[in-house]
Amino acid sequence: QSKKKGLSFEEKRVRMMEIFFETKDVFQLKDIEKIAPKEKGITSMSVKEILQSLVDDGMVDTDRIGTSNYFWAFPSKALHARKRKLEELKSQFAESSQKKEALQKSIKKSKIGREDTAERAALAKELAALQQKKEHLKAEIDKYRECDPDVVEEMRQTNKIAKEAANRWTDNIFSIKSWAKRKFGFEESRIDKSFGIPEDLDYID
């Protein structure tokens, strides 16, 4: 035999409210913990949690008298709470409806002048052609960029720096070759061969 399915949290809340509505009485927690399991099938361990949720939602009133807490809920208050909630929802719905209407008007207004007319289609076609022409001209400019005076000057400066660096290293190589010939008596051809130095190595004019 399958195990009986337990009550959901919301079902327990409904059944606990029935205790208050049917008796129209005021209870302490210990009283509800005795009544709820017997009459409504709510386990005593969950009574406190269910009761607190109803208090938090304003469905059940509570007050401390002396050292004890008392709980009560009357149908008239529950009806008033439901009416208040309904008014809140109606107000939210009205506000949302106004926002929706304002957005629809804004969308409608933004479409003015953007209708699919023959003139608009012709302008769109012309715009596409101009954009294509712009890209073509940009490509042409890039092609002839090397003729730009600024670019040419930049290339000239780069070449000058490279030339100076090459001649500086050439000078260093000649200095090392002279030192090796004096120090060790090596022949120049032997030095060139050993270190892979071209025979025609010279400064760049």
N, C-alpha and C. Protein backbone atom coordinates (compact mmCIF):
# COMPACT_ATOMS: atom_id res chain seq x y z
N GLN A 1 0.84 -1.19 0.00
CA GLN A 1 0.00 0.00 0.00
C GLN A 1 0.88 1.24 0.00
N SER A 2 0.58 2.19 -0.91
CA SER A 2 1.40 3.37 -1.04
C SER A 2 1.22 4.30 0.15
N LYS A 3 2.29 5.00 0.46
CA LYS A 3 2.25 5.91 1.60
C LYS A 3 1.41 7.13 1.25
N LYS A 4 0.59 7.58 2.19
CA LYS A 4 -0.29 8.72 1.94
C LYS A 4 0.54 9.99 1.76
N LYS A 5 0.22 10.75 0.73
CA LYS A 5 0.96 11.97 0.44
C LYS A 5 0.66 13.02 1.50
N GLY A 6 1.71 13.70 2.00
CA GLY A 6 1.53 14.73 3.02
C GLY A 6 0.96 16.01 2.44
N LEU A 7 0.52 16.89 3.33
CA LEU A 7 -0.06 18.16 2.91
C LEU A 7 1.04 19.11 2.45
N SER A 8 0.73 19.93 1.47
CA SER A 8 1.68 20.95 1.02
C SER A 8 1.67 22.10 2.02
N PHE A 9 2.64 22.96 1.90
CA PHE A 9 2.75 24.11 2.81
C PHE A 9 1.50 24.98 2.71
N GLU A 10 1.02 25.23 1.51
CA GLU A 10 -0.14 26.09 1.31
C GLU A 10 -1.41 25.42 1.85
N GLU A 11 -1.52 24.11 1.68
CA GLU A 11 -2.68 23.38 2.22
C GLU A 11 -2.72 23.47 3.74
N LYS A 12 -1.56 23.41 4.36
CA LYS A 12 -1.50 23.53 5.82
C LYS A 12 -1.93 24.93 6.26
N ARG A 13 -1.55 25.93 5.52
CA ARG A 13 -1.95 27.31 5.84
C ARG A 13 -3.47 27.47 5.77
N VAL A 14 -4.05 26.90 4.71
CA VAL A 14 -5.52 26.98 4.55
C VAL A 14 -6.23 26.28 5.70
N ARG A 15 -5.77 25.11 6.05
CA ARG A 15 -6.41 24.34 7.12
C ARG A 15 -6.25 25.01 8.48
N MET A 16 -5.12 25.67 8.69
CA MET A 16 -4.94 26.36 9.97
C MET A 16 -5.87 27.56 10.07
N MET A 17 -6.07 28.25 8.94
CA MET A 17 -7.01 29.37 8.95
C MET A 17 -8.42 28.89 9.26
N GLU A 18 -8.74 27.67 8.83
CA GLU A 18 -10.06 27.10 9.11
C GLU A 18 -10.28 26.95 10.62
N ILE A 19 -9.23 26.63 11.35
CA ILE A 19 -9.35 26.49 12.81
C ILE A 19 -9.83 27.80 13.41
N PHE A 20 -9.24 28.91 12.98
CA PHE A 20 -9.63 30.22 13.52
C PHE A 20 -11.03 30.62 13.08
N PHE A 21 -11.34 30.42 11.79
CA PHE A 21 -12.63 30.85 11.26
C PHE A 21 -13.79 30.04 11.84
N GLU A 22 -13.56 28.74 12.00
CA GLU A 22 -14.64 27.86 12.49
C GLU A 22 -14.93 28.06 13.98
N THR A 23 -13.88 28.36 14.74
CA THR A 23 -14.06 28.49 16.19
C THR A 23 -14.27 29.93 16.63
N LYS A 24 -13.73 30.88 15.83
CA LYS A 24 -13.76 32.31 16.19
C LYS A 24 -13.24 32.51 17.61
N ASP A 25 -12.17 31.79 17.93
CA ASP A 25 -11.62 31.81 19.28
C ASP A 25 -10.19 32.30 19.25
N VAL A 26 -9.66 32.56 20.45
CA VAL A 26 -8.27 33.00 20.61
C VAL A 26 -7.48 31.84 21.22
N PHE A 27 -6.27 31.59 20.64
CA PHE A 27 -5.49 30.42 21.06
C PHE A 27 -4.06 30.80 21.44
N GLN A 28 -3.48 29.94 22.24
CA GLN A 28 -2.04 29.97 22.47
C GLN A 28 -1.41 28.94 21.53
N LEU A 29 -0.10 29.03 21.35
CA LEU A 29 0.58 28.10 20.45
C LEU A 29 0.37 26.65 20.87
N LYS A 30 0.43 26.39 22.16
CA LYS A 30 0.28 25.01 22.64
C LYS A 30 -1.11 24.45 22.34
N ASP A 31 -2.12 25.35 22.31
CA ASP A 31 -3.48 24.90 21.98
C ASP A 31 -3.56 24.47 20.52
N ILE A 32 -2.97 25.29 19.65
CA ILE A 32 -3.02 24.98 18.21
C ILE A 32 -2.22 23.72 17.91
N GLU A 33 -1.13 23.53 18.65
CA GLU A 33 -0.31 22.33 18.45
C GLU A 33 -1.06 21.05 18.82
N LYS A 34 -2.09 21.17 19.64
CA LYS A 34 -2.91 20.02 20.00
C LYS A 34 -4.07 19.83 19.01
N ILE A 35 -4.69 20.97 18.62
CA ILE A 35 -5.86 20.90 17.75
C ILE A 35 -5.50 20.55 16.31
N ALA A 36 -4.44 21.19 15.76
CA ALA A 36 -4.09 21.05 14.35
C ALA A 36 -3.84 19.62 13.91
N PRO A 37 -3.10 18.80 14.66
CA PRO A 37 -2.88 17.41 14.22
C PRO A 37 -4.17 16.57 14.24
N LYS A 38 -4.99 16.78 15.24
CA LYS A 38 -6.20 15.96 15.39
C LYS A 38 -7.27 16.32 14.36
N GLU A 39 -7.53 17.65 14.22
CA GLU A 39 -8.67 18.07 13.39
C GLU A 39 -8.29 18.41 11.94
N LYS A 40 -7.03 18.79 11.70
CA LYS A 40 -6.68 19.25 10.36
C LYS A 40 -5.53 18.48 9.72
N GLY A 41 -4.98 17.49 10.43
CA GLY A 41 -3.92 16.67 9.86
C GLY A 41 -2.60 17.39 9.68
N ILE A 42 -2.41 18.48 10.46
CA ILE A 42 -1.15 19.22 10.39
C ILE A 42 -0.24 18.72 11.50
N THR A 43 0.95 18.29 11.17
CA THR A 43 1.86 17.76 12.20
C THR A 43 2.21 18.85 13.20
N SER A 44 2.31 18.49 14.46
CA SER A 44 2.57 19.47 15.52
C SER A 44 3.92 20.17 15.32
N MET A 45 4.87 19.46 14.70
CA MET A 45 6.21 20.04 14.50
C MET A 45 6.20 21.21 13.51
N SER A 46 5.22 21.21 12.60
CA SER A 46 5.17 22.27 11.59
C SER A 46 4.21 23.40 11.95
N VAL A 47 3.49 23.27 13.06
CA VAL A 47 2.49 24.26 13.45
C VAL A 47 3.10 25.64 13.61
N LYS A 48 4.22 25.73 14.34
CA LYS A 48 4.84 27.02 14.64
C LYS A 48 5.26 27.74 13.35
N GLU A 49 5.86 26.99 12.41
CA GLU A 49 6.30 27.59 11.15
C GLU A 49 5.13 28.10 10.32
N ILE A 50 4.06 27.27 10.25
CA ILE A 50 2.87 27.65 9.48
C ILE A 50 2.22 28.88 10.10
N LEU A 51 2.08 28.88 11.40
CA LEU A 51 1.44 29.98 12.12
C LEU A 51 2.22 31.27 11.93
N GLN A 52 3.55 31.19 12.00
CA GLN A 52 4.39 32.38 11.83
C GLN A 52 4.26 32.96 10.42
N SER A 53 4.14 32.08 9.42
CA SER A 53 3.98 32.56 8.04
C SER A 53 2.66 33.31 7.86
N LEU A 54 1.62 32.85 8.57
CA LEU A 54 0.32 33.52 8.50
C LEU A 54 0.36 34.86 9.23
N VAL A 55 1.11 34.92 10.31
CA VAL A 55 1.29 36.19 11.04
C VAL A 55 2.06 37.18 10.17
N ASP A 56 3.13 36.70 9.52
CA ASP A 56 3.95 37.57 8.65
C ASP A 56 3.14 38.14 7.50
N ASP A 57 2.18 37.37 7.01
CA ASP A 57 1.34 37.82 5.88
C ASP A 57 0.14 38.63 6.34
N GLY A 58 0.01 38.84 7.67
CA GLY A 58 -1.10 39.62 8.19
C GLY A 58 -2.42 38.88 8.20
N MET A 59 -2.39 37.58 8.03
CA MET A 59 -3.62 36.77 8.03
C MET A 59 -4.07 36.45 9.46
N VAL A 60 -3.10 36.33 10.37
CA VAL A 60 -3.38 36.01 11.77
C VAL A 60 -2.80 37.11 12.65
N ASP A 61 -3.59 37.54 13.64
CA ASP A 61 -3.12 38.55 14.60
C ASP A 61 -2.50 37.86 15.80
N THR A 62 -1.57 38.57 16.43
CA THR A 62 -0.94 38.01 17.62
C THR A 62 -0.65 39.12 18.61
N ASP A 63 -0.66 38.76 19.90
CA ASP A 63 -0.34 39.74 20.93
C ASP A 63 0.19 39.01 22.15
N ARG A 64 1.05 39.69 22.88
CA ARG A 64 1.63 39.09 24.08
C ARG A 64 0.90 39.65 25.30
N ILE A 65 0.33 38.76 26.09
CA ILE A 65 -0.36 39.15 27.31
C ILE A 65 0.32 38.42 28.46
N GLY A 66 0.99 39.19 29.31
CA GLY A 66 1.76 38.56 30.38
C GLY A 66 2.94 37.83 29.82
N THR A 67 3.02 36.56 30.06
CA THR A 67 4.14 35.75 29.56
C THR A 67 3.73 34.87 28.38
N SER A 68 2.49 35.04 27.92
CA SER A 68 1.99 34.16 26.86
C SER A 68 1.64 34.94 25.59
N ASN A 69 1.83 34.28 24.45
CA ASN A 69 1.43 34.84 23.16
C ASN A 69 0.09 34.26 22.75
N TYR A 70 -0.81 35.13 22.27
CA TYR A 70 -2.13 34.68 21.85
C TYR A 70 -2.31 34.97 20.36
N PHE A 71 -3.05 34.09 19.69
CA PHE A 71 -3.26 34.20 18.25
C PHE A 71 -4.75 34.15 17.94
N TRP A 72 -5.18 34.94 16.98
CA TRP A 72 -6.58 34.92 16.55
C TRP A 72 -6.69 35.45 15.13
N ALA A 73 -7.78 35.11 14.48
CA ALA A 73 -8.06 35.58 13.11
C ALA A 73 -9.55 35.47 12.88
N PHE A 74 -10.15 36.57 12.44
CA PHE A 74 -11.59 36.59 12.20
C PHE A 74 -11.87 36.74 10.70
N PRO A 75 -12.94 36.11 10.22
CA PRO A 75 -13.27 36.16 8.78
C PRO A 75 -13.37 37.59 8.24
N SER A 76 -13.87 38.51 9.06
CA SER A 76 -14.05 39.89 8.60
C SER A 76 -12.72 40.53 8.24
N LYS A 77 -11.68 40.25 9.04
CA LYS A 77 -10.36 40.81 8.76
C LYS A 77 -9.75 40.16 7.52
N ALA A 78 -9.94 38.86 7.40
CA ALA A 78 -9.42 38.14 6.23
C ALA A 78 -10.04 38.69 4.95
N LEU A 79 -11.36 38.97 5.02
CA LEU A 79 -12.05 39.52 3.87
C LEU A 79 -11.49 40.90 3.53
N HIS A 80 -11.25 41.69 4.57
CA HIS A 80 -10.69 43.03 4.37
C HIS A 80 -9.29 42.94 3.76
N ALA A 81 -8.48 41.98 4.24
CA ALA A 81 -7.13 41.80 3.72
C ALA A 81 -7.16 41.41 2.24
N ARG A 82 -8.11 40.51 1.90
CA ARG A 82 -8.22 40.09 0.50
C ARG A 82 -8.65 41.26 -0.39
N LYS A 83 -9.58 42.09 0.14
CA LYS A 83 -10.02 43.25 -0.63
C LYS A 83 -8.87 44.23 -0.85
N ARG A 84 -8.05 44.42 0.21
CA ARG A 84 -6.91 45.33 0.10
C ARG A 84 -5.90 44.81 -0.92
N LYS A 85 -5.66 43.49 -0.89
CA LYS A 85 -4.76 42.88 -1.84
C LYS A 85 -5.28 43.01 -3.26
N LEU A 86 -6.59 42.84 -3.42
CA LEU A 86 -7.21 42.96 -4.73
C LEU A 86 -7.06 44.39 -5.27
N GLU A 87 -7.24 45.38 -4.37
CA GLU A 87 -7.08 46.78 -4.77
C GLU A 87 -5.65 47.06 -5.21
N GLU A 88 -4.69 46.48 -4.48
CA GLU A 88 -3.27 46.66 -4.83
C GLU A 88 -2.99 46.08 -6.22
N LEU A 89 -3.53 44.87 -6.46
CA LEU A 89 -3.32 44.22 -7.76
C LEU A 89 -3.98 45.02 -8.88
N LYS A 90 -5.19 45.57 -8.60
CA LYS A 90 -5.87 46.38 -9.61
C LYS A 90 -5.06 47.63 -9.93
N SER A 91 -4.49 48.23 -8.88
CA SER A 91 -3.68 49.43 -9.07
C SER A 91 -2.44 49.11 -9.90
N GLN A 92 -1.78 47.98 -9.59
CA GLN A 92 -0.60 47.57 -10.35
C GLN A 92 -0.96 47.29 -11.80
N PHE A 93 -2.14 46.66 -11.99
CA PHE A 93 -2.58 46.33 -13.35
C PHE A 93 -2.84 47.61 -14.15
N ALA A 94 -3.48 48.60 -13.48
CA ALA A 94 -3.78 49.86 -14.15
C ALA A 94 -2.50 50.58 -14.53
N GLU A 95 -1.52 50.55 -13.62
CA GLU A 95 -0.23 51.19 -13.88
C GLU A 95 0.49 50.53 -15.05
N SER A 96 0.46 49.18 -15.06
CA SER A 96 1.09 48.43 -16.16
C SER A 96 0.39 48.72 -17.48
N SER A 97 -0.95 48.85 -17.42
CA SER A 97 -1.72 49.13 -18.65
C SER A 97 -1.35 50.50 -19.20
N GLN A 98 -1.17 51.49 -18.29
CA GLN A 98 -0.78 52.83 -18.73
C GLN A 98 0.60 52.82 -19.38
N LYS A 99 1.53 52.08 -18.75
CA LYS A 99 2.88 51.98 -19.32
C LYS A 99 2.85 51.33 -20.70
N LYS A 100 2.03 50.27 -20.81
CA LYS A 100 1.92 49.57 -22.09
C LYS A 100 1.36 50.51 -23.16
N GLU A 101 0.32 51.28 -22.79
CA GLU A 101 -0.30 52.21 -23.74
C GLU A 101 0.69 53.29 -24.16
N ALA A 102 1.48 53.79 -23.18
CA ALA A 102 2.47 54.83 -23.48
C ALA A 102 3.54 54.30 -24.42
N LEU A 103 3.97 53.05 -24.19
CA LEU A 103 4.97 52.43 -25.06
C LEU A 103 4.44 52.24 -26.47
N GLN A 104 3.18 51.81 -26.57
CA GLN A 104 2.58 51.61 -27.89
C GLN A 104 2.49 52.92 -28.66
N LYS A 105 2.15 54.01 -27.93
CA LYS A 105 2.09 55.33 -28.56
C LYS A 105 3.48 55.77 -29.02
N SER A 106 4.48 55.49 -28.17
CA SER A 106 5.86 55.86 -28.50
C SER A 106 6.33 55.11 -29.74
N ILE A 107 6.01 53.81 -29.80
CA ILE A 107 6.39 53.00 -30.96
C ILE A 107 5.72 53.51 -32.22
N LYS A 108 4.42 53.84 -32.08
CA LYS A 108 3.65 54.34 -33.22
C LYS A 108 4.23 55.66 -33.72
N LYS A 109 4.61 56.52 -32.76
CA LYS A 109 5.17 57.83 -33.10
C LYS A 109 6.52 57.68 -33.80
N SER A 110 7.33 56.72 -33.29
CA SER A 110 8.66 56.52 -33.86
C SER A 110 8.61 56.00 -35.30
N LYS A 111 7.48 55.39 -35.65
CA LYS A 111 7.35 54.83 -37.01
C LYS A 111 6.96 55.88 -38.04
N ILE A 112 6.51 57.08 -37.52
CA ILE A 112 6.10 58.14 -38.45
C ILE A 112 7.31 58.59 -39.27
N GLY A 113 7.16 58.63 -40.54
CA GLY A 113 8.26 59.03 -41.42
C GLY A 113 9.14 57.87 -41.83
N ARG A 114 8.83 56.69 -41.30
CA ARG A 114 9.63 55.51 -41.63
C ARG A 114 8.80 54.47 -42.42
N GLU A 115 7.68 54.94 -42.93
CA GLU A 115 6.83 54.02 -43.69
C GLU A 115 7.55 53.54 -44.94
N ASP A 116 7.20 52.36 -45.39
CA ASP A 116 7.84 51.78 -46.59
C ASP A 116 7.27 52.40 -47.85
N THR A 117 7.73 53.61 -48.17
CA THR A 117 7.29 54.29 -49.38
C THR A 117 8.34 54.13 -50.47
N ALA A 118 7.95 54.51 -51.70
CA ALA A 118 8.88 54.41 -52.83
C ALA A 118 10.05 55.37 -52.62
N GLU A 119 9.76 56.55 -52.04
CA GLU A 119 10.81 57.54 -51.79
C GLU A 119 11.82 57.01 -50.77
N ARG A 120 11.28 56.39 -49.71
CA ARG A 120 12.16 55.84 -48.67
C ARG A 120 13.05 54.73 -49.25
N ALA A 121 12.45 53.89 -50.11
CA ALA A 121 13.20 52.80 -50.73
C ALA A 121 14.32 53.35 -51.61
N ALA A 122 14.01 54.44 -52.35
CA ALA A 122 15.00 55.06 -53.23
C ALA A 122 16.15 55.67 -52.42
N LEU A 123 15.80 56.32 -51.30
CA LEU A 123 16.82 56.92 -50.43
C LEU A 123 17.70 55.85 -49.80
N ALA A 124 17.08 54.74 -49.41
CA ALA A 124 17.85 53.64 -48.80
C ALA A 124 18.83 53.06 -49.82
N LYS A 125 18.37 52.96 -51.08
CA LYS A 125 19.22 52.43 -52.15
C LYS A 125 20.39 53.38 -52.41
N GLU A 126 20.09 54.69 -52.41
CA GLU A 126 21.13 55.70 -52.63
C GLU A 126 22.16 55.68 -51.50
N LEU A 127 21.66 55.52 -50.27
CA LEU A 127 22.55 55.46 -49.11
C LEU A 127 23.50 54.27 -49.20
N ALA A 128 22.95 53.11 -49.61
CA ALA A 128 23.77 51.90 -49.75
C ALA A 128 24.85 52.11 -50.82
N ALA A 129 24.47 52.80 -51.92
CA ALA A 129 25.42 53.05 -53.00
C ALA A 129 26.53 53.99 -52.53
N LEU A 130 26.16 55.01 -51.75
CA LEU A 130 27.15 55.96 -51.24
C LEU A 130 28.11 55.28 -50.26
N GLN A 131 27.58 54.40 -49.43
CA GLN A 131 28.43 53.67 -48.50
C GLN A 131 29.42 52.77 -49.23
N GLN A 132 28.93 52.14 -50.31
CA GLN A 132 29.81 51.29 -51.11
C GLN A 132 30.90 52.13 -51.79
N LYS A 133 30.52 53.32 -52.27
CA LYS A 133 31.48 54.21 -52.91
C LYS A 133 32.53 54.68 -51.89
N LYS A 134 32.06 54.95 -50.69
CA LYS A 134 32.97 55.38 -49.62
C LYS A 134 34.04 54.31 -49.35
N GLU A 135 33.60 53.05 -49.27
CA GLU A 135 34.53 51.95 -49.03
C GLU A 135 35.54 51.81 -50.18
N HIS A 136 35.03 52.01 -51.42
CA HIS A 136 35.90 51.93 -52.60
C HIS A 136 36.97 53.02 -52.57
N LEU A 137 36.54 54.25 -52.23
CA LEU A 137 37.48 55.38 -52.16
C LEU A 137 38.50 55.17 -51.05
N LYS A 138 38.05 54.62 -49.94
CA LYS A 138 38.96 54.34 -48.83
C LYS A 138 40.03 53.34 -49.26
N ALA A 139 39.62 52.31 -50.00
CA ALA A 139 40.58 51.32 -50.50
C ALA A 139 41.58 51.96 -51.45
N GLU A 140 41.10 52.90 -52.30
CA GLU A 140 41.99 53.60 -53.23
C GLU A 140 43.00 54.46 -52.48
N ILE A 141 42.51 55.14 -51.42
CA ILE A 141 43.41 55.99 -50.62
C ILE A 141 44.50 55.15 -49.98
N ASP A 142 44.12 53.97 -49.44
CA ASP A 142 45.10 53.08 -48.82
C ASP A 142 46.13 52.60 -49.84
N LYS A 143 45.66 52.40 -51.09
CA LYS A 143 46.55 51.92 -52.16
C LYS A 143 47.65 52.94 -52.46
N TYR A 144 47.27 54.23 -52.45
CA TYR A 144 48.23 55.28 -52.78
C TYR A 144 48.82 55.95 -51.55
N ARG A 145 48.69 55.29 -50.42
CA ARG A 145 49.17 55.87 -49.17
C ARG A 145 50.69 56.06 -49.19
N GLU A 146 51.37 55.18 -49.95
CA GLU A 146 52.83 55.27 -49.99
C GLU A 146 53.30 56.58 -50.62
N CYS A 147 52.42 57.23 -51.36
CA CYS A 147 52.78 58.50 -51.99
C CYS A 147 52.50 59.69 -51.06
N ASP A 148 51.94 59.43 -49.92
CA ASP A 148 51.65 60.48 -48.96
C ASP A 148 52.97 61.05 -48.44
N PRO A 149 53.15 62.38 -48.45
CA PRO A 149 54.42 62.99 -48.00
C PRO A 149 54.80 62.57 -46.58
N ASP A 150 53.82 62.52 -45.70
CA ASP A 150 54.11 62.14 -44.30
C ASP A 150 54.61 60.70 -44.24
N VAL A 151 53.98 59.82 -45.03
CA VAL A 151 54.39 58.41 -45.04
C VAL A 151 55.79 58.27 -45.62
N VAL A 152 56.04 59.03 -46.70
CA VAL A 152 57.37 58.98 -47.33
C VAL A 152 58.44 59.44 -46.35
N GLU A 153 58.17 60.54 -45.64
CA GLU A 153 59.13 61.06 -44.67
C GLU A 153 59.37 60.07 -43.54
N GLU A 154 58.28 59.40 -43.11
CA GLU A 154 58.42 58.39 -42.06
C GLU A 154 59.30 57.24 -42.53
N MET A 155 59.11 56.82 -43.81
CA MET A 155 59.93 55.75 -44.36
C MET A 155 61.39 56.18 -44.47
N ARG A 156 61.61 57.48 -44.83
CA ARG A 156 62.97 58.00 -44.96
C ARG A 156 63.69 57.98 -43.61
N GLN A 157 62.99 58.39 -42.58
CA GLN A 157 63.58 58.40 -41.24
C GLN A 157 63.91 56.98 -40.77
N THR A 158 62.98 56.04 -41.08
CA THR A 158 63.20 54.65 -40.70
C THR A 158 64.44 54.08 -41.40
N ASN A 159 64.56 54.39 -42.69
CA ASN A 159 65.71 53.92 -43.47
C ASN A 159 67.02 54.51 -42.94
N LYS A 160 66.98 55.79 -42.53
CA LYS A 160 68.16 56.46 -42.01
C LYS A 160 68.65 55.77 -40.74
N ILE A 161 67.70 55.46 -39.85
CA ILE A 161 68.06 54.80 -38.59
C ILE A 161 68.65 53.42 -38.85
N ALA A 162 68.02 52.69 -39.80
CA ALA A 162 68.50 51.35 -40.14
C ALA A 162 69.90 51.40 -40.75
N LYS A 163 70.13 52.41 -41.61
CA LYS A 163 71.44 52.57 -42.25
C LYS A 163 72.52 52.86 -41.21
N GLU A 164 72.22 53.76 -40.28
CA GLU A 164 73.19 54.10 -39.23
C GLU A 164 73.53 52.89 -38.37
N ALA A 165 72.47 52.08 -38.07
CA ALA A 165 72.70 50.88 -37.25
C ALA A 165 73.57 49.88 -37.99
N ALA A 166 73.32 49.70 -39.29
CA ALA A 166 74.09 48.75 -40.10
C ALA A 166 75.56 49.18 -40.17
N ASN A 167 75.78 50.47 -40.40
CA ASN A 167 77.16 50.97 -40.49
C ASN A 167 77.88 50.87 -39.14
N ARG A 168 77.12 51.06 -38.05
CA ARG A 168 77.72 50.94 -36.72
C ARG A 168 78.21 49.52 -36.48
N TRP A 169 77.40 48.53 -36.88
CA TRP A 169 77.80 47.13 -36.72
C TRP A 169 78.96 46.76 -37.66
N THR A 170 78.95 47.35 -38.83
CA THR A 170 80.06 47.12 -39.77
C THR A 170 81.36 47.65 -39.17
N ASP A 171 81.26 48.82 -38.56
CA ASP A 171 82.44 49.42 -37.92
C ASP A 171 82.94 48.54 -36.78
N ASN A 172 81.97 47.96 -36.02
CA ASN A 172 82.34 47.08 -34.92
C ASN A 172 83.08 45.83 -35.44
N ILE A 173 82.58 45.28 -36.55
CA ILE A 173 83.19 44.07 -37.13
C ILE A 173 84.62 44.36 -37.59
N PHE A 174 84.80 45.52 -38.25
CA PHE A 174 86.15 45.90 -38.71
C PHE A 174 87.10 46.07 -37.52
N SER A 175 86.59 46.65 -36.43
CA SER A 175 87.42 46.86 -35.24
C SER A 175 87.84 45.54 -34.64
N ILE A 176 86.91 44.57 -34.57
CA ILE A 176 87.22 43.25 -34.00
C ILE A 176 88.22 42.51 -34.89
N LYS A 177 88.05 42.63 -36.21
CA LYS A 177 88.98 41.97 -37.14
C LYS A 177 90.39 42.53 -36.96
N SER A 178 90.51 43.85 -36.81
CA SER A 178 91.84 44.47 -36.62
C SER A 178 92.48 44.00 -35.32
N TRP A 179 91.66 43.94 -34.29
CA TRP A 179 92.17 43.50 -32.98
C TRP A 179 92.64 42.04 -33.05
N ALA A 180 91.88 41.16 -33.74
CA ALA A 180 92.23 39.75 -33.85
C ALA A 180 93.52 39.56 -34.65
N LYS A 181 93.69 40.38 -35.68
CA LYS A 181 94.91 40.27 -36.50
C LYS A 181 96.14 40.68 -35.68
N ARG A 182 96.01 41.76 -34.90
CA ARG A 182 97.14 42.22 -34.09
C ARG A 182 97.43 41.27 -32.93
N LYS A 183 96.36 40.77 -32.28
CA LYS A 183 96.52 39.95 -31.08
C LYS A 183 97.02 38.55 -31.39
N PHE A 184 96.41 37.94 -32.45
CA PHE A 184 96.72 36.54 -32.71
C PHE A 184 97.45 36.31 -34.03
N GLY A 185 97.60 37.35 -34.81
CA GLY A 185 98.29 37.20 -36.09
C GLY A 185 97.48 36.45 -37.13
N PHE A 186 96.14 36.44 -36.96
CA PHE A 186 95.28 35.75 -37.94
C PHE A 186 95.25 36.53 -39.25
N GLU A 187 95.12 35.76 -40.34
CA GLU A 187 94.94 36.40 -41.63
C GLU A 187 93.47 36.83 -41.75
N GLU A 188 93.26 37.90 -42.48
CA GLU A 188 91.89 38.45 -42.61
C GLU A 188 90.95 37.45 -43.25
N SER A 189 91.43 36.70 -44.26
CA SER A 189 90.57 35.73 -44.95
C SER A 189 90.16 34.61 -44.00
N ARG A 190 91.10 34.24 -43.09
CA ARG A 190 90.78 33.17 -42.13
C ARG A 190 89.70 33.64 -41.14
N ILE A 191 89.82 34.90 -40.73
CA ILE A 191 88.81 35.46 -39.81
C ILE A 191 87.44 35.49 -40.49
N ASP A 192 87.42 35.96 -41.76
CA ASP A 192 86.14 36.04 -42.49
C ASP A 192 85.50 34.66 -42.62
N LYS A 193 86.34 33.67 -42.94
CA LYS A 193 85.82 32.32 -43.14
C LYS A 193 85.31 31.73 -41.83
N SER A 194 86.05 31.96 -40.74
CA SER A 194 85.68 31.37 -39.44
C SER A 194 84.37 31.95 -38.91
N PHE A 195 84.14 33.21 -39.17
CA PHE A 195 82.95 33.86 -38.60
C PHE A 195 81.87 34.18 -39.64
N GLY A 196 82.05 33.67 -40.85
CA GLY A 196 81.01 33.85 -41.87
C GLY A 196 80.86 35.30 -42.31
N ILE A 197 81.96 36.06 -42.34
CA ILE A 197 81.90 37.47 -42.72
C ILE A 197 82.11 37.58 -44.23
N PRO A 198 81.20 38.21 -44.95
CA PRO A 198 81.38 38.32 -46.40
C PRO A 198 82.68 39.11 -46.73
N GLU A 199 83.34 38.69 -47.83
CA GLU A 199 84.58 39.37 -48.22
C GLU A 199 84.33 40.80 -48.66
N ASP A 200 83.12 41.04 -49.23
CA ASP A 200 82.80 42.39 -49.74
C ASP A 200 82.08 43.26 -48.71
N LEU A 201 82.17 42.87 -47.44
CA LEU A 201 81.50 43.66 -46.39
C LEU A 201 82.03 45.09 -46.41
N ASP A 202 81.13 46.08 -46.43
CA ASP A 202 81.56 47.47 -46.48
C ASP A 202 80.44 48.35 -45.92
N TYR A 203 80.75 49.60 -45.71
CA TYR A 203 79.76 50.54 -45.22
C TYR A 203 78.70 50.83 -46.28
N ILE A 204 77.47 51.19 -45.82
CA ILE A 204 76.39 51.55 -46.73
C ILE A 204 76.45 53.05 -46.97
N ASP A 205 76.45 53.45 -48.25
CA ASP A 205 76.51 54.88 -48.57
C ASP A 205 75.16 55.54 -48.31
